[in-house]
Amino acid sequence: MKQQIARFSPHQNAKVMAVMWAVVSLIFLVPFFLLASLFGAGQTMPIWVIIVAPLFYLVIGYIGVVIACALYNVIAPFTGGIEYESTGSAGSTA
């Protein structure tokens, strides 16, 4: 059955995505920092970057997703929204 997303909750979606982006930035930054310090390039990237970069991604990610969701909520009524197809689960009675 085809369904359409009528509205995204800007705050809830932004919270989730901002935290995900902060975590992903740590997943990439920590090994990069360790490799850089292993090869003697640790002086080029101070350790505070590992703290500041995820916070930067968190804030910028939150703002970006809020804007994107708000824009979607304005545009969706005119375009029909995002359409997806789903099937009922095996145990459903619907």
PDB file of N, CA and C in Angstrom:
ATOM      1  N   MET A   1       0.840  -1.160   0.000  1.00  0.00           N
ATOM      2  CA  MET A   1       0.000   0.000   0.000  1.00  0.00           C
ATOM      3  C   MET A   1       0.894   1.236   0.000  1.00  0.00           C
ATOM      4  N   LYS A   2       0.594   2.158  -0.911  1.00  0.00           N
ATOM      5  CA  LYS A   2       1.376   3.394  -0.984  1.00  0.00           C
ATOM      6  C   LYS A   2       0.858   4.384   0.038  1.00  0.00           C
ATOM      7  N   GLN A   3       1.807   5.021   0.725  1.00  0.00           N
ATOM      8  CA  GLN A   3       1.468   6.030   1.719  1.00  0.00           C
ATOM      9  C   GLN A   3       2.362   7.239   1.515  1.00  0.00           C
ATOM     10  N   GLN A   4       1.924   8.366   2.051  1.00  0.00           N
ATOM     11  CA  GLN A   4       2.700   9.595   1.929  1.00  0.00           C
ATOM     12  C   GLN A   4       2.948  10.191   3.308  1.00  0.00           C
ATOM     13  N   ILE A   5       4.128  10.771   3.453  1.00  0.00           N
ATOM     14  CA  ILE A   5       4.459  11.456   4.695  1.00  0.00           C
ATOM     15  C   ILE A   5       3.906  12.870   4.588  1.00  0.00           C
ATOM     16  N   ALA A   6       2.959  13.198   5.455  1.00  0.00           N
ATOM     17  CA  ALA A   6       2.309  14.504   5.399  1.00  0.00           C
ATOM     18  C   ALA A   6       3.135  15.581   6.101  1.00  0.00           C
ATOM     19  N   ARG A   7       3.827  15.202   7.166  1.00  0.00           N
ATOM     20  CA  ARG A   7       4.542  16.201   7.957  1.00  0.00           C
ATOM     21  C   ARG A   7       5.678  15.548   8.732  1.00  0.00           C
ATOM     22  N   PHE A   8       6.790  16.268   8.844  1.00  0.00           N
ATOM     23  CA  PHE A   8       7.896  15.864   9.704  1.00  0.00           C
ATOM     24  C   PHE A   8       7.905  16.758  10.930  1.00  0.00           C
ATOM     25  N   SER A   9       8.186  16.196  12.082  1.00  0.00           N
ATOM     26  CA  SER A   9       8.329  16.983  13.305  1.00  0.00           C
ATOM     27  C   SER A   9       9.745  17.565  13.329  1.00  0.00           C
ATOM     28  N   PRO A  10       9.885  18.881  13.150  1.00  0.00           N
ATOM     29  CA  PRO A  10      11.226  19.467  13.057  1.00  0.00           C
ATOM     30  C   PRO A  10      12.098  19.220  14.292  1.00  0.00           C
ATOM     31  N   HIS A  11      11.563  19.448  15.475  1.00  0.00           N
ATOM     32  CA  HIS A  11      12.388  19.318  16.679  1.00  0.00           C
ATOM     33  C   HIS A  11      12.805  17.873  16.928  1.00  0.00           C
ATOM     34  N   GLN A  12      11.887  16.942  16.845  1.00  0.00           N
ATOM     35  CA  GLN A  12      12.208  15.535  17.118  1.00  0.00           C
ATOM     36  C   GLN A  12      13.210  14.985  16.104  1.00  0.00           C
ATOM     37  N   ASN A  13      12.982  15.241  14.833  1.00  0.00           N
ATOM     38  CA  ASN A  13      13.904  14.754  13.809  1.00  0.00           C
ATOM     39  C   ASN A  13      15.266  15.415  13.931  1.00  0.00           C
ATOM     40  N   ALA A  14      15.283  16.696  14.260  1.00  0.00           N
ATOM     41  CA  ALA A  14      16.555  17.406  14.405  1.00  0.00           C
ATOM     42  C   ALA A  14      17.352  16.881  15.589  1.00  0.00           C
ATOM     43  N   LYS A  15      16.676  16.555  16.702  1.00  0.00           N
ATOM     44  CA  LYS A  15      17.380  15.994  17.863  1.00  0.00           C
ATOM     45  C   LYS A  15      18.071  14.686  17.478  1.00  0.00           C
ATOM     46  N   VAL A  16      17.331  13.816  16.839  1.00  0.00           N
ATOM     47  CA  VAL A  16      17.871  12.498  16.478  1.00  0.00           C
ATOM     48  C   VAL A  16      19.040  12.643  15.509  1.00  0.00           C
ATOM     49  N   MET A  17      18.861  13.417  14.463  1.00  0.00           N
ATOM     50  CA  MET A  17      19.916  13.550  13.454  1.00  0.00           C
ATOM     51  C   MET A  17      21.143  14.273  13.998  1.00  0.00           C
ATOM     52  N   ALA A  18      20.948  15.280  14.835  1.00  0.00           N
ATOM     53  CA  ALA A  18      22.091  16.007  15.394  1.00  0.00           C
ATOM     54  C   ALA A  18      22.946  15.098  16.258  1.00  0.00           C
ATOM     55  N   VAL A  19      22.314  14.283  17.084  1.00  0.00           N
ATOM     56  CA  VAL A  19      23.084  13.349  17.921  1.00  0.00           C
ATOM     57  C   VAL A  19      23.778  12.312  17.045  1.00  0.00           C
ATOM     58  N   MET A  20      23.095  11.827  16.013  1.00  0.00           N
ATOM     59  CA  MET A  20      23.734  10.861  15.110  1.00  0.00           C
ATOM     60  C   MET A  20      24.959  11.459  14.433  1.00  0.00           C
ATOM     61  N   TRP A  21      24.858  12.700  13.965  1.00  0.00           N
ATOM     62  CA  TRP A  21      25.996  13.328  13.308  1.00  0.00           C
ATOM     63  C   TRP A  21      27.150  13.560  14.279  1.00  0.00           C
ATOM     64  N   ALA A  22      26.844  13.906  15.509  1.00  0.00           N
ATOM     65  CA  ALA A  22      27.902  14.089  16.507  1.00  0.00           C
ATOM     66  C   ALA A  22      28.620  12.765  16.778  1.00  0.00           C
ATOM     67  N   VAL A  23      27.862  11.691  16.904  1.00  0.00           N
ATOM     68  CA  VAL A  23      28.463  10.373  17.152  1.00  0.00           C
ATOM     69  C   VAL A  23      29.296   9.930  15.952  1.00  0.00           C
ATOM     70  N   VAL A  24      28.769  10.116  14.757  1.00  0.00           N
ATOM     71  CA  VAL A  24      29.510   9.724  13.552  1.00  0.00           C
ATOM     72  C   VAL A  24      30.793  10.534  13.427  1.00  0.00           C
ATOM     73  N   SER A  25      30.749  11.813  13.783  1.00  0.00           N
ATOM     74  CA  SER A  25      31.981  12.611  13.706  1.00  0.00           C
ATOM     75  C   SER A  25      33.037  12.066  14.666  1.00  0.00           C
ATOM     76  N   LEU A  26      32.610  11.598  15.826  1.00  0.00           N
ATOM     77  CA  LEU A  26      33.566  10.977  16.757  1.00  0.00           C
ATOM     78  C   LEU A  26      34.136   9.683  16.196  1.00  0.00           C
ATOM     79  N   ILE A  27      33.299   8.910  15.528  1.00  0.00           N
ATOM     80  CA  ILE A  27      33.755   7.643  14.944  1.00  0.00           C
ATOM     81  C   ILE A  27      34.874   7.895  13.934  1.00  0.00           C
ATOM     82  N   PHE A  28      34.806   9.023  13.224  1.00  0.00           N
ATOM     83  CA  PHE A  28      35.847   9.329  12.251  1.00  0.00           C
ATOM     84  C   PHE A  28      37.012  10.111  12.867  1.00  0.00           C
ATOM     85  N   LEU A  29      36.716  11.008  13.793  1.00  0.00           N
ATOM     86  CA  LEU A  29      37.769  11.869  14.340  1.00  0.00           C
ATOM     87  C   LEU A  29      38.747  11.138  15.252  1.00  0.00           C
ATOM     88  N   VAL A  30      38.256  10.266  16.108  1.00  0.00           N
ATOM     89  CA  VAL A  30      39.136   9.596  17.063  1.00  0.00           C
ATOM     90  C   VAL A  30      40.197   8.753  16.348  1.00  0.00           C
ATOM     91  N   PRO A  31      39.827   7.856  15.415  1.00  0.00           N
ATOM     92  CA  PRO A  31      40.878   7.102  14.703  1.00  0.00           C
ATOM     93  C   PRO A  31      41.802   8.015  13.884  1.00  0.00           C
ATOM     94  N   PHE A  32      41.227   9.066  13.276  1.00  0.00           N
ATOM     95  CA  PHE A  32      42.057   9.989  12.502  1.00  0.00           C
ATOM     96  C   PHE A  32      43.083  10.661  13.398  1.00  0.00           C
ATOM     97  N   PHE A  33      42.656  11.098  14.575  1.00  0.00           N
ATOM     98  CA  PHE A  33      43.568  11.739  15.514  1.00  0.00           C
ATOM     99  C   PHE A  33      44.640  10.769  15.983  1.00  0.00           C
ATOM    100  N   LEU A  34      44.249   9.530  16.275  1.00  0.00           N
ATOM    101  CA  LEU A  34      45.221   8.532  16.720  1.00  0.00           C
ATOM    102  C   LEU A  34      46.242   8.228  15.632  1.00  0.00           C
ATOM    103  N   LEU A  35      45.802   8.093  14.402  1.00  0.00           N
ATOM    104  CA  LEU A  35      46.730   7.849  13.292  1.00  0.00           C
ATOM    105  C   LEU A  35      47.640   9.050  13.065  1.00  0.00           C
ATOM    106  N   ALA A  36      47.071  10.244  13.148  1.00  0.00           N
ATOM    107  CA  ALA A  36      47.884  11.448  12.947  1.00  0.00           C
ATOM    108  C   ALA A  36      48.960  11.570  14.018  1.00  0.00           C
ATOM    109  N   SER A  37      48.607  11.266  15.258  1.00  0.00           N
ATOM    110  CA  SER A  37      49.610  11.362  16.324  1.00  0.00           C
ATOM    111  C   SER A  37      50.635  10.234  16.218  1.00  0.00           C
ATOM    112  N   LEU A  38      50.220   9.088  15.695  1.00  0.00           N
ATOM    113  CA  LEU A  38      51.140   7.965  15.512  1.00  0.00           C
ATOM    114  C   LEU A  38      52.223   8.303  14.488  1.00  0.00           C
ATOM    115  N   PHE A  39      51.854   9.048  13.458  1.00  0.00           N
ATOM    116  CA  PHE A  39      52.802   9.403  12.417  1.00  0.00           C
ATOM    117  C   PHE A  39      53.437  10.777  12.630  1.00  0.00           C
ATOM    118  N   GLY A  40      53.297  11.324  13.833  1.00  0.00           N
ATOM    119  CA  GLY A  40      53.976  12.570  14.163  1.00  0.00           C
ATOM    120  C   GLY A  40      53.255  13.827  13.735  1.00  0.00           C
ATOM    121  N   ALA A  41      52.045  13.706  13.249  1.00  0.00           N
ATOM    122  CA  ALA A  41      51.312  14.893  12.817  1.00  0.00           C
ATOM    123  C   ALA A  41      50.320  15.349  13.878  1.00  0.00           C
ATOM    124  N   GLY A  42      50.458  14.858  15.095  1.00  0.00           N
ATOM    125  CA  GLY A  42      49.533  15.186  16.170  1.00  0.00           C
ATOM    126  C   GLY A  42      49.562  16.650  16.562  1.00  0.00           C
ATOM    127  N   GLN A  43      50.673  17.338  16.301  1.00  0.00           N
ATOM    128  CA  GLN A  43      50.758  18.749  16.652  1.00  0.00           C
ATOM    129  C   GLN A  43      49.915  19.613  15.710  1.00  0.00           C
ATOM    130  N   THR A  44      49.556  19.094  14.564  1.00  0.00           N
ATOM    131  CA  THR A  44      48.772  19.896  13.627  1.00  0.00           C
ATOM    132  C   THR A  44      47.293  19.917  14.005  1.00  0.00           C
ATOM    133  N   MET A  45      46.837  18.917  14.764  1.00  0.00           N
ATOM    134  CA  MET A  45      45.441  18.886  15.181  1.00  0.00           C
ATOM    135  C   MET A  45      45.374  18.772  16.703  1.00  0.00           C
ATOM    136  N   PRO A  46      45.024  19.862  17.381  1.00  0.00           N
ATOM    137  CA  PRO A  46      44.958  19.810  18.846  1.00  0.00           C
ATOM    138  C   PRO A  46      43.830  18.901  19.322  1.00  0.00           C
ATOM    139  N   ILE A  47      43.979  18.382  20.519  1.00  0.00           N
ATOM    140  CA  ILE A  47      43.015  17.424  21.056  1.00  0.00           C
ATOM    141  C   ILE A  47      41.635  18.046  21.282  1.00  0.00           C
ATOM    142  N   TRP A  48      41.566  19.352  21.482  1.00  0.00           N
ATOM    143  CA  TRP A  48      40.267  19.980  21.713  1.00  0.00           C
ATOM    144  C   TRP A  48      39.370  19.887  20.487  1.00  0.00           C
ATOM    145  N   VAL A  49      39.960  19.597  19.328  1.00  0.00           N
ATOM    146  CA  VAL A  49      39.157  19.431  18.107  1.00  0.00           C
ATOM    147  C   VAL A  49      38.204  18.246  18.261  1.00  0.00           C
ATOM    148  N   ILE A  50      38.632  17.216  18.978  1.00  0.00           N
ATOM    149  CA  ILE A  50      37.785  16.041  19.179  1.00  0.00           C
ATOM    150  C   ILE A  50      36.548  16.406  20.006  1.00  0.00           C
ATOM    151  N   ILE A  51      36.635  17.443  20.817  1.00  0.00           N
ATOM    152  CA  ILE A  51      35.485  17.888  21.608  1.00  0.00           C
ATOM    153  C   ILE A  51      34.652  18.907  20.839  1.00  0.00           C
ATOM    154  N   VAL A  52      35.306  19.832  20.178  1.00  0.00           N
ATOM    155  CA  VAL A  52      34.603  20.918  19.499  1.00  0.00           C
ATOM    156  C   VAL A  52      33.896  20.453  18.228  1.00  0.00           C
ATOM    157  N   ALA A  53      34.522  19.595  17.447  1.00  0.00           N
ATOM    158  CA  ALA A  53      33.926  19.170  16.176  1.00  0.00           C
ATOM    159  C   ALA A  53      32.577  18.473  16.360  1.00  0.00           C
ATOM    160  N   PRO A  54      32.442  17.504  17.281  1.00  0.00           N
ATOM    161  CA  PRO A  54      31.113  16.900  17.461  1.00  0.00           C
ATOM    162  C   PRO A  54      30.058  17.916  17.921  1.00  0.00           C
ATOM    163  N   LEU A  55      30.454  18.870  18.756  1.00  0.00           N
ATOM    164  CA  LEU A  55      29.504  19.911  19.173  1.00  0.00           C
ATOM    165  C   LEU A  55      29.094  20.777  17.986  1.00  0.00           C
ATOM    166  N   PHE A  56      30.056  21.075  17.123  1.00  0.00           N
ATOM    167  CA  PHE A  56      29.766  21.836  15.911  1.00  0.00           C
ATOM    168  C   PHE A  56      28.793  21.066  15.021  1.00  0.00           C
ATOM    169  N   TYR A  57      29.062  19.781  14.798  1.00  0.00           N
ATOM    170  CA  TYR A  57      28.161  18.952  13.994  1.00  0.00           C
ATOM    171  C   TYR A  57      26.780  18.872  14.630  1.00  0.00           C
ATOM    172  N   LEU A  58      26.724  18.786  15.961  1.00  0.00           N
ATOM    173  CA  LEU A  58      25.454  18.709  16.668  1.00  0.00           C
ATOM    174  C   LEU A  58      24.626  19.973  16.427  1.00  0.00           C
ATOM    175  N   VAL A  59      25.228  21.128  16.615  1.00  0.00           N
ATOM    176  CA  VAL A  59      24.500  22.390  16.467  1.00  0.00           C
ATOM    177  C   VAL A  59      24.111  22.650  15.014  1.00  0.00           C
ATOM    178  N   ILE A  60      25.074  22.532  14.118  1.00  0.00           N
ATOM    179  CA  ILE A  60      24.798  22.792  12.704  1.00  0.00           C
ATOM    180  C   ILE A  60      23.821  21.748  12.149  1.00  0.00           C
ATOM    181  N   GLY A  61      23.974  20.493  12.573  1.00  0.00           N
ATOM    182  CA  GLY A  61      23.049  19.448  12.138  1.00  0.00           C
ATOM    183  C   GLY A  61      21.639  19.707  12.609  1.00  0.00           C
ATOM    184  N   TYR A  62      21.500  20.134  13.858  1.00  0.00           N
ATOM    185  CA  TYR A  62      20.173  20.436  14.400  1.00  0.00           C
ATOM    186  C   TYR A  62      19.509  21.556  13.597  1.00  0.00           C
ATOM    187  N   ILE A  63      20.238  22.628  13.388  1.00  0.00           N
ATOM    188  CA  ILE A  63      19.687  23.774  12.648  1.00  0.00           C
ATOM    189  C   ILE A  63      19.318  23.368  11.220  1.00  0.00           C
ATOM    190  N   GLY A  64      20.190  22.605  10.576  1.00  0.00           N
ATOM    191  CA  GLY A  64      19.926  22.180   9.197  1.00  0.00           C
ATOM    192  C   GLY A  64      18.700  21.304   9.074  1.00  0.00           C
ATOM    193  N   VAL A  65      18.521  20.372  10.004  1.00  0.00           N
ATOM    194  CA  VAL A  65      17.364  19.470   9.937  1.00  0.00           C
ATOM    195  C   VAL A  65      16.078  20.213  10.274  1.00  0.00           C
ATOM    196  N   VAL A  66      16.118  21.151  11.223  1.00  0.00           N
ATOM    197  CA  VAL A  66      14.928  21.949  11.518  1.00  0.00           C
ATOM    198  C   VAL A  66      14.495  22.723  10.278  1.00  0.00           C
ATOM    199  N   ILE A  67      15.438  23.335   9.595  1.00  0.00           N
ATOM    200  CA  ILE A  67      15.121  24.090   8.376  1.00  0.00           C
ATOM    201  C   ILE A  67      14.573  23.154   7.299  1.00  0.00           C
ATOM    202  N   ALA A  68      15.214  21.993   7.122  1.00  0.00           N
ATOM    203  CA  ALA A  68      14.764  21.043   6.094  1.00  0.00           C
ATOM    204  C   ALA A  68      13.359  20.521   6.386  1.00  0.00           C
ATOM    205  N   CYS A  69      13.071  20.191   7.643  1.00  0.00           N
ATOM    206  CA  CYS A  69      11.740  19.694   8.003  1.00  0.00           C
ATOM    207  C   CYS A  69      10.684  20.778   7.828  1.00  0.00           C
ATOM    208  N   ALA A  70      11.003  21.990   8.247  1.00  0.00           N
ATOM    209  CA  ALA A  70      10.056  23.093   8.084  1.00  0.00           C
ATOM    210  C   ALA A  70       9.775  23.354   6.611  1.00  0.00           C
ATOM    211  N   LEU A  71      10.802  23.306   5.804  1.00  0.00           N
ATOM    212  CA  LEU A  71      10.633  23.498   4.363  1.00  0.00           C
ATOM    213  C   LEU A  71       9.794  22.373   3.758  1.00  0.00           C
ATOM    214  N   TYR A  72      10.051  21.140   4.181  1.00  0.00           N
ATOM    215  CA  TYR A  72       9.253  20.009   3.708  1.00  0.00           C
ATOM    216  C   TYR A  72       7.783  20.196   4.074  1.00  0.00           C
ATOM    217  N   ASN A  73       7.529  20.635   5.314  1.00  0.00           N
ATOM    218  CA  ASN A  73       6.154  20.816   5.768  1.00  0.00           C
ATOM    219  C   ASN A  73       5.409  21.880   4.959  1.00  0.00           C
ATOM    220  N   VAL A  74       6.133  22.847   4.419  1.00  0.00           N
ATOM    221  CA  VAL A  74       5.517  23.872   3.570  1.00  0.00           C
ATOM    222  C   VAL A  74       5.294  23.340   2.164  1.00  0.00           C
ATOM    223  N   ILE A  75       6.255  22.579   1.644  1.00  0.00           N
ATOM    224  CA  ILE A  75       6.203  22.132   0.250  1.00  0.00           C
ATOM    225  C   ILE A  75       5.327  20.887   0.066  1.00  0.00           C
ATOM    226  N   ALA A  76       5.278  19.996   1.043  1.00  0.00           N
ATOM    227  CA  ALA A  76       4.572  18.715   0.898  1.00  0.00           C
ATOM    228  C   ALA A  76       3.106  18.844   0.483  1.00  0.00           C
ATOM    229  N   PRO A  77       2.343  19.788   1.018  1.00  0.00           N
ATOM    230  CA  PRO A  77       0.943  19.871   0.583  1.00  0.00           C
ATOM    231  C   PRO A  77       0.781  20.173  -0.910  1.00  0.00           C
ATOM    232  N   PHE A  78       1.765  20.846  -1.493  1.00  0.00           N
ATOM    233  CA  PHE A  78       1.675  21.197  -2.908  1.00  0.00           C
ATOM    234  C   PHE A  78       2.192  20.090  -3.819  1.00  0.00           C
ATOM    235  N   THR A  79       3.118  19.273  -3.306  1.00  0.00           N
ATOM    236  CA  THR A  79       3.756  18.251  -4.143  1.00  0.00           C
ATOM    237  C   THR A  79       3.280  16.839  -3.839  1.00  0.00           C
ATOM    238  N   GLY A  80       2.545  16.656  -2.763  1.00  0.00           N
ATOM    239  CA  GLY A  80       2.079  15.325  -2.396  1.00  0.00           C
ATOM    240  C   GLY A  80       2.958  14.638  -1.380  1.00  0.00           C
ATOM    241  N   GLY A  81       4.101  15.189  -1.071  1.00  0.00           N
ATOM    242  CA  GLY A  81       4.970  14.614  -0.050  1.00  0.00           C
ATOM    243  C   GLY A  81       5.769  13.426  -0.549  1.00  0.00           C
ATOM    244  N   ILE A  82       6.586  12.886   0.338  1.00  0.00           N
ATOM    245  CA  ILE A  82       7.380  11.698   0.030  1.00  0.00           C
ATOM    246  C   ILE A  82       6.453  10.498   0.045  1.00  0.00           C
ATOM    247  N   GLU A  83       6.548   9.701  -0.988  1.00  0.00           N
ATOM    248  CA  GLU A  83       5.682   8.522  -1.085  1.00  0.00           C
ATOM    249  C   GLU A  83       6.514   7.262  -0.877  1.00  0.00           C
ATOM    250  N   TYR A  84       5.958   6.326  -0.124  1.00  0.00           N
ATOM    251  CA  TYR A  84       6.636   5.066   0.090  1.00  0.00           C
ATOM    252  C   TYR A  84       5.597   3.944   0.078  1.00  0.00           C
ATOM    253  N   GLU A  85       6.068   2.751  -0.111  1.00  0.00           N
ATOM    254  CA  GLU A  85       5.180   1.608  -0.163  1.00  0.00           C
ATOM    255  C   GLU A  85       5.494   0.694   1.011  1.00  0.00           C
ATOM    256  N   SER A  86       4.454   0.222   1.676  1.00  0.00           N
ATOM    257  CA  SER A  86       4.659  -0.674   2.804  1.00  0.00           C
ATOM    258  C   SER A  86       3.726  -1.861   2.701  1.00  0.00           C
ATOM    259  N   THR A  87       4.113  -2.927   3.379  1.00  0.00           N
ATOM    260  CA  THR A  87       3.264  -4.103   3.454  1.00  0.00           C
ATOM    261  C   THR A  87       2.984  -4.383   4.911  1.00  0.00           C
ATOM    262  N   GLY A  88       1.854  -5.004   5.184  1.00  0.00           N
ATOM    263  CA  GLY A  88       1.512  -5.345   6.550  1.00  0.00           C
ATOM    264  C   GLY A  88       2.430  -6.445   7.068  1.00  0.00           C
ATOM    265  N   SER A  89       2.641  -6.461   8.378  1.00  0.00           N
ATOM    266  CA  SER A  89       3.477  -7.518   8.961  1.00  0.00           C
ATOM    267  C   SER A  89       2.698  -8.821   8.968  1.00  0.00           C
ATOM    268  N   ALA A  90       3.396  -9.929   9.121  1.00  0.00           N
ATOM    269  CA  ALA A  90       2.769 -11.251   9.050  1.00  0.00           C
ATOM    270  C   ALA A  90       1.717 -11.446  10.128  1.00  0.00           C
ATOM    271  N   GLY A  91       1.881 -10.818  11.280  1.00  0.00           N
ATOM    272  CA  GLY A  91       0.962 -11.014  12.384  1.00  0.00           C
ATOM    273  C   GLY A  91      -0.147  -9.981  12.457  1.00  0.00           C
ATOM    274  N   SER A  92      -0.239  -9.076  11.487  1.00  0.00           N
ATOM    275  CA  SER A  92      -1.249  -8.020  11.578  1.00  0.00           C
ATOM    276  C   SER A  92      -2.624  -8.542  11.192  1.00  0.00           C
ATOM    277  N   THR A  93      -3.642  -7.935  11.751  1.00  0.00           N
ATOM    278  CA  THR A  93      -5.025  -8.339  11.465  1.00  0.00           C
ATOM    279  C   THR A  93      -5.709  -7.329  10.577  1.00  0.00           C
ATOM    280  N   ALA A  94      -5.004  -6.316  10.097  1.00  0.00           N
ATOM    281  CA  ALA A  94      -5.625  -5.272   9.292  1.00  0.00           C
ATOM    282  C   ALA A  94      -5.848  -5.704   7.871  1.00  0.00           C
TER     283      ALA A  94
END
